[in-house]
N, C-alpha and C. Protein backbone atom coordinates (compact mmCIF):
# COMPACT_ATOMS: atom_id res chain seq x y z
N MET A 1 92.96 -26.21 -4.71
CA MET A 1 92.88 -27.35 -5.30
C MET A 1 92.71 -26.75 -6.87
N PHE A 2 91.36 -26.30 -6.67
CA PHE A 2 90.91 -25.63 -8.23
C PHE A 2 90.45 -24.31 -7.82
N ASN A 3 90.51 -23.46 -8.35
CA ASN A 3 90.20 -21.86 -8.16
C ASN A 3 90.47 -20.45 -9.12
N HIS A 4 89.12 -20.56 -9.99
CA HIS A 4 89.58 -19.81 -10.95
C HIS A 4 88.41 -18.78 -10.83
N ARG A 5 88.68 -17.59 -10.86
CA ARG A 5 87.68 -16.21 -11.25
C ARG A 5 87.20 -15.95 -12.40
N LEU A 6 86.71 -15.55 -13.44
CA LEU A 6 86.62 -14.97 -14.48
C LEU A 6 85.80 -13.76 -14.34
N GLU A 7 86.15 -12.90 -15.19
CA GLU A 7 85.20 -11.84 -15.72
C GLU A 7 84.82 -11.40 -16.88
N HIS A 8 83.93 -10.60 -17.45
CA HIS A 8 83.60 -10.37 -18.52
C HIS A 8 82.31 -9.13 -18.70
N GLN A 9 82.56 -7.65 -19.09
CA GLN A 9 81.46 -7.12 -19.32
C GLN A 9 81.15 -6.85 -18.25
N GLY A 10 81.71 -6.68 -16.69
CA GLY A 10 80.92 -6.38 -15.51
C GLY A 10 80.62 -7.84 -14.88
N ARG A 11 80.65 -9.00 -15.29
CA ARG A 11 80.12 -10.10 -14.60
C ARG A 11 81.26 -11.07 -14.55
N THR A 12 80.75 -12.08 -13.61
CA THR A 12 81.97 -12.60 -12.55
C THR A 12 81.24 -14.43 -12.67
N ARG A 13 82.18 -15.16 -13.22
CA ARG A 13 81.93 -16.60 -13.09
C ARG A 13 83.29 -16.90 -11.92
N GLY A 14 82.82 -18.19 -11.01
CA GLY A 14 83.95 -18.67 -10.08
C GLY A 14 83.70 -20.22 -9.93
N PHE A 15 84.78 -20.68 -10.06
CA PHE A 15 84.60 -22.17 -10.17
C PHE A 15 86.00 -22.63 -9.05
N LEU A 16 85.70 -22.99 -7.63
CA LEU A 16 86.50 -23.55 -6.30
C LEU A 16 85.92 -25.28 -6.44
N ILE A 17 86.81 -25.94 -6.18
CA ILE A 17 87.38 -27.38 -5.77
C ILE A 17 88.04 -27.00 -4.95
N ALA A 18 87.94 -27.69 -3.31
CA ALA A 18 89.09 -27.28 -2.37
C ALA A 18 88.51 -28.45 -1.12
N PRO A 19 89.41 -29.15 -0.73
CA PRO A 19 89.70 -30.19 0.11
C PRO A 19 89.01 -29.47 1.50
N ARG A 20 88.20 -30.43 2.42
CA ARG A 20 87.83 -29.89 3.82
C ARG A 20 88.69 -30.55 4.56
N ALA A 21 88.62 -29.72 5.60
CA ALA A 21 89.84 -30.40 6.49
C ALA A 21 89.09 -31.41 7.41
N ALA A 22 88.03 -32.25 7.59
CA ALA A 22 87.40 -32.91 7.75
C ALA A 22 86.89 -33.97 7.19
N GLY A 23 87.77 -34.14 5.93
CA GLY A 23 87.48 -34.72 4.83
C GLY A 23 86.32 -34.87 3.72
N GLY A 24 87.04 -35.03 2.54
CA GLY A 24 86.05 -34.67 1.33
C GLY A 24 86.56 -33.54 0.34
N TRP A 25 85.77 -33.29 -0.29
CA TRP A 25 85.96 -31.88 -1.00
C TRP A 25 84.53 -31.18 -1.29
N ASP A 26 85.18 -29.63 -1.28
CA ASP A 26 83.89 -28.73 -1.38
C ASP A 26 84.22 -28.32 -3.19
N VAL A 27 82.81 -28.41 -3.23
CA VAL A 27 82.68 -27.72 -4.88
C VAL A 27 81.59 -26.60 -4.89
N LEU A 28 82.22 -25.67 -5.62
CA LEU A 28 81.36 -24.47 -5.41
C LEU A 28 81.53 -23.63 -7.10
N GLU A 29 79.87 -23.05 -7.30
CA GLU A 29 80.48 -22.57 -8.71
C GLU A 29 79.49 -20.83 -8.16
N GLU A 30 79.95 -20.40 -8.73
CA GLU A 30 79.10 -18.81 -8.54
C GLU A 30 79.07 -18.00 -9.90
N GLN A 31 77.88 -17.12 -9.76
CA GLN A 31 77.36 -16.77 -11.11
C GLN A 31 77.79 -15.06 -10.61
N ASP A 32 78.37 -14.10 -10.87
CA ASP A 32 77.77 -12.44 -10.53
C ASP A 32 78.17 -12.47 -8.83
N ARG A 33 78.99 -12.64 -8.24
CA ARG A 33 79.16 -12.97 -6.89
C ARG A 33 78.02 -14.01 -6.12
N ARG A 34 76.95 -14.52 -6.68
CA ARG A 34 76.25 -15.44 -5.74
C ARG A 34 76.19 -16.92 -6.52
N VAL A 35 76.30 -17.67 -5.36
CA VAL A 35 76.49 -19.30 -5.48
C VAL A 35 75.24 -19.72 -6.17
N VAL A 36 75.92 -20.31 -7.22
CA VAL A 36 74.69 -21.32 -7.81
C VAL A 36 74.69 -22.75 -7.41
N ARG A 37 75.65 -23.27 -7.21
CA ARG A 37 76.11 -25.03 -6.70
C ARG A 37 76.95 -24.58 -5.67
N GLU A 38 76.73 -25.63 -4.83
CA GLU A 38 77.53 -25.84 -3.52
C GLU A 38 76.90 -27.17 -3.21
N VAL A 39 78.14 -28.29 -3.35
CA VAL A 39 77.93 -29.68 -3.04
C VAL A 39 79.51 -30.21 -2.53
N HIS A 40 79.51 -31.24 -1.56
CA HIS A 40 80.34 -31.59 -0.75
C HIS A 40 79.90 -33.18 -1.52
N TYR A 41 81.59 -33.24 -1.52
CA TYR A 41 81.68 -35.22 -2.08
C TYR A 41 82.75 -35.60 -1.10
N ASP A 42 82.53 -37.07 -0.74
CA ASP A 42 83.76 -37.49 -0.53
C ASP A 42 83.87 -38.66 -1.05
N ASP A 43 83.83 -39.00 -2.33
CA ASP A 43 83.98 -39.95 -3.56
C ASP A 43 85.36 -38.94 -4.81
N TRP A 44 86.22 -39.40 -4.66
CA TRP A 44 87.26 -38.80 -5.22
C TRP A 44 87.12 -38.74 -6.99
N HIS A 45 86.12 -39.88 -7.18
CA HIS A 45 86.22 -40.14 -8.85
C HIS A 45 84.98 -38.87 -9.11
N ARG A 46 83.87 -38.53 -8.29
CA ARG A 46 82.95 -37.32 -8.86
C ARG A 46 83.82 -35.90 -8.74
N VAL A 47 84.46 -35.76 -7.84
CA VAL A 47 85.49 -34.36 -7.75
C VAL A 47 86.57 -34.57 -8.78
N GLU A 48 87.09 -35.71 -9.60
CA GLU A 48 88.08 -35.35 -10.57
C GLU A 48 86.88 -35.13 -11.84
N ARG A 49 86.04 -35.68 -11.95
CA ARG A 49 84.95 -35.98 -13.07
C ARG A 49 84.38 -34.29 -13.14
N GLN A 50 83.92 -33.40 -11.72
CA GLN A 50 83.67 -31.98 -11.53
C GLN A 50 85.11 -30.73 -11.83
N LEU A 51 86.05 -31.53 -11.63
CA LEU A 51 87.44 -31.12 -12.06
C LEU A 51 87.49 -30.64 -13.13
N ASN A 52 87.26 -31.77 -13.92
CA ASN A 52 87.65 -31.54 -16.04
C ASN A 52 86.30 -30.95 -15.87
N VAL A 53 85.07 -30.97 -15.75
CA VAL A 53 83.80 -30.48 -16.30
C VAL A 53 84.20 -28.63 -15.82
N PHE A 54 84.57 -28.07 -14.54
CA PHE A 54 85.38 -26.86 -14.45
C PHE A 54 86.32 -26.56 -15.41
N ALA A 55 87.27 -27.13 -15.61
CA ALA A 55 88.40 -26.86 -16.52
C ALA A 55 87.79 -26.69 -18.06
N MET A 56 87.11 -27.42 -18.15
CA MET A 56 86.58 -27.02 -19.52
C MET A 56 85.34 -26.04 -19.56
N ARG A 57 84.97 -25.37 -18.31
CA ARG A 57 84.29 -24.51 -18.79
C ARG A 57 84.78 -23.30 -18.65
N VAL A 58 86.37 -23.37 -17.68
CA VAL A 58 86.82 -22.40 -18.02
C VAL A 58 87.80 -21.60 -19.08
N GLU A 59 87.90 -22.85 -19.71
CA GLU A 59 88.60 -22.57 -21.14
C GLU A 59 87.47 -22.19 -22.11
N ILE A 60 86.17 -22.74 -22.07
CA ILE A 60 85.36 -21.75 -22.72
C ILE A 60 85.04 -20.78 -22.79
N LEU A 61 85.06 -20.34 -21.57
CA LEU A 61 84.69 -19.14 -21.06
C LEU A 61 85.58 -18.42 -21.30
N LYS A 62 87.21 -18.32 -21.55
CA LYS A 62 88.37 -17.63 -21.66
C LYS A 62 87.92 -17.42 -23.59
N ASN A 63 87.74 -18.39 -24.50
CA ASN A 63 87.92 -18.36 -25.67
C ASN A 63 86.67 -17.32 -25.84
N GLU A 64 85.85 -17.34 -25.00
CA GLU A 64 84.32 -16.10 -25.28
C GLU A 64 84.95 -14.57 -24.92
N GLY A 65 86.30 -14.45 -24.42
CA GLY A 65 86.35 -13.25 -24.25
C GLY A 65 86.44 -12.59 -22.77
N TRP A 66 86.30 -14.30 -21.76
CA TRP A 66 86.00 -13.87 -20.39
C TRP A 66 87.63 -13.61 -19.93
N VAL A 67 87.87 -13.28 -19.07
CA VAL A 67 89.49 -13.06 -18.66
C VAL A 67 89.90 -13.36 -16.90
N PRO A 68 91.04 -13.75 -16.77
CA PRO A 68 91.19 -13.71 -14.99
C PRO A 68 90.75 -12.93 -14.11
N VAL A 69 90.56 -12.78 -13.02
CA VAL A 69 90.14 -11.96 -12.30
C VAL A 69 91.68 -11.59 -11.70
N GLY A 70 91.69 -10.16 -11.71
CA GLY A 70 93.09 -9.95 -11.32
C GLY A 70 94.27 -9.80 -12.44
N SER A 71 93.77 -10.16 -13.29
CA SER A 71 95.01 -10.20 -14.82
C SER A 71 95.04 -8.31 -15.06
N PRO A 72 95.78 -8.11 -15.85
CA PRO A 72 96.46 -6.84 -16.44
C PRO A 72 94.77 -6.13 -17.01
N THR A 73 94.05 -7.33 -18.20
CA THR A 73 93.20 -6.73 -18.71
C THR A 73 91.30 -6.73 -17.94
N ALA A 74 91.55 -7.14 -16.76
CA ALA A 74 90.36 -7.43 -15.95
C ALA A 74 90.32 -6.06 -15.27
N HIS A 75 89.13 -5.73 -14.71
CA HIS A 75 89.05 -4.13 -14.58
C HIS A 75 88.63 -4.50 -13.04
N ALA A 76 88.09 -5.03 -12.16
CA ALA A 76 87.60 -5.10 -11.09
C ALA A 76 88.02 -6.12 -10.14
N PRO A 77 89.15 -6.33 -9.56
CA PRO A 77 89.77 -7.62 -8.84
C PRO A 77 88.93 -7.61 -8.20
N SER A 78 88.77 -9.36 -7.21
CA SER A 78 87.95 -9.24 -6.46
C SER A 78 88.71 -10.72 -5.67
N THR A 79 88.23 -10.39 -3.76
CA THR A 79 88.82 -11.55 -3.29
C THR A 79 87.92 -12.84 -3.49
N PRO A 80 88.31 -14.07 -3.83
CA PRO A 80 87.38 -15.13 -4.04
C PRO A 80 86.72 -15.39 -2.64
N ARG A 81 85.49 -15.97 -2.54
CA ARG A 81 84.67 -16.31 -1.56
C ARG A 81 84.73 -17.76 -1.24
N VAL A 82 85.15 -18.10 -0.31
CA VAL A 82 85.58 -19.97 0.15
C VAL A 82 84.34 -20.14 1.01
N ARG A 83 83.15 -20.73 0.98
CA ARG A 83 82.26 -21.12 2.14
C ARG A 83 82.29 -22.83 2.01
N HIS A 84 82.06 -23.27 3.35
CA HIS A 84 81.87 -25.04 3.28
C HIS A 84 80.51 -25.11 2.65
N ALA A 85 80.35 -26.11 2.18
CA ALA A 85 78.68 -26.50 1.94
C ALA A 85 78.10 -26.46 3.28
N GLY A 86 77.04 -26.20 3.87
CA GLY A 86 76.23 -26.15 4.75
C GLY A 86 76.65 -25.21 5.93
N GLY A 87 77.94 -24.47 5.39
CA GLY A 87 78.19 -23.79 6.59
C GLY A 87 78.06 -22.30 6.26
N ALA A 88 77.68 -21.44 7.17
CA ALA A 88 77.64 -19.96 6.99
C ALA A 88 78.91 -19.17 6.65
N ASN A 89 79.02 -18.34 6.26
CA ASN A 89 79.99 -17.50 5.71
C ASN A 89 79.78 -15.69 6.43
């Protein structure tokens, strides 16, 4: 649904919103491959708000020189980690 990973000068930022099979959506934010925020929402309006926040953060970071991981100018592509809130990975 929303999955963006950016890199800049050896640092990474990741933003993920994914539907959960059991219902609702998982919202995950990473900095340097560490989860800094992990939330599960059942309310679409909260998800929609978070989607807008993440989209704005991604655009701000791109304007500051961050590039999508895996792009030709990125140095170390990596696979995004997906974890469900409250679950082990």
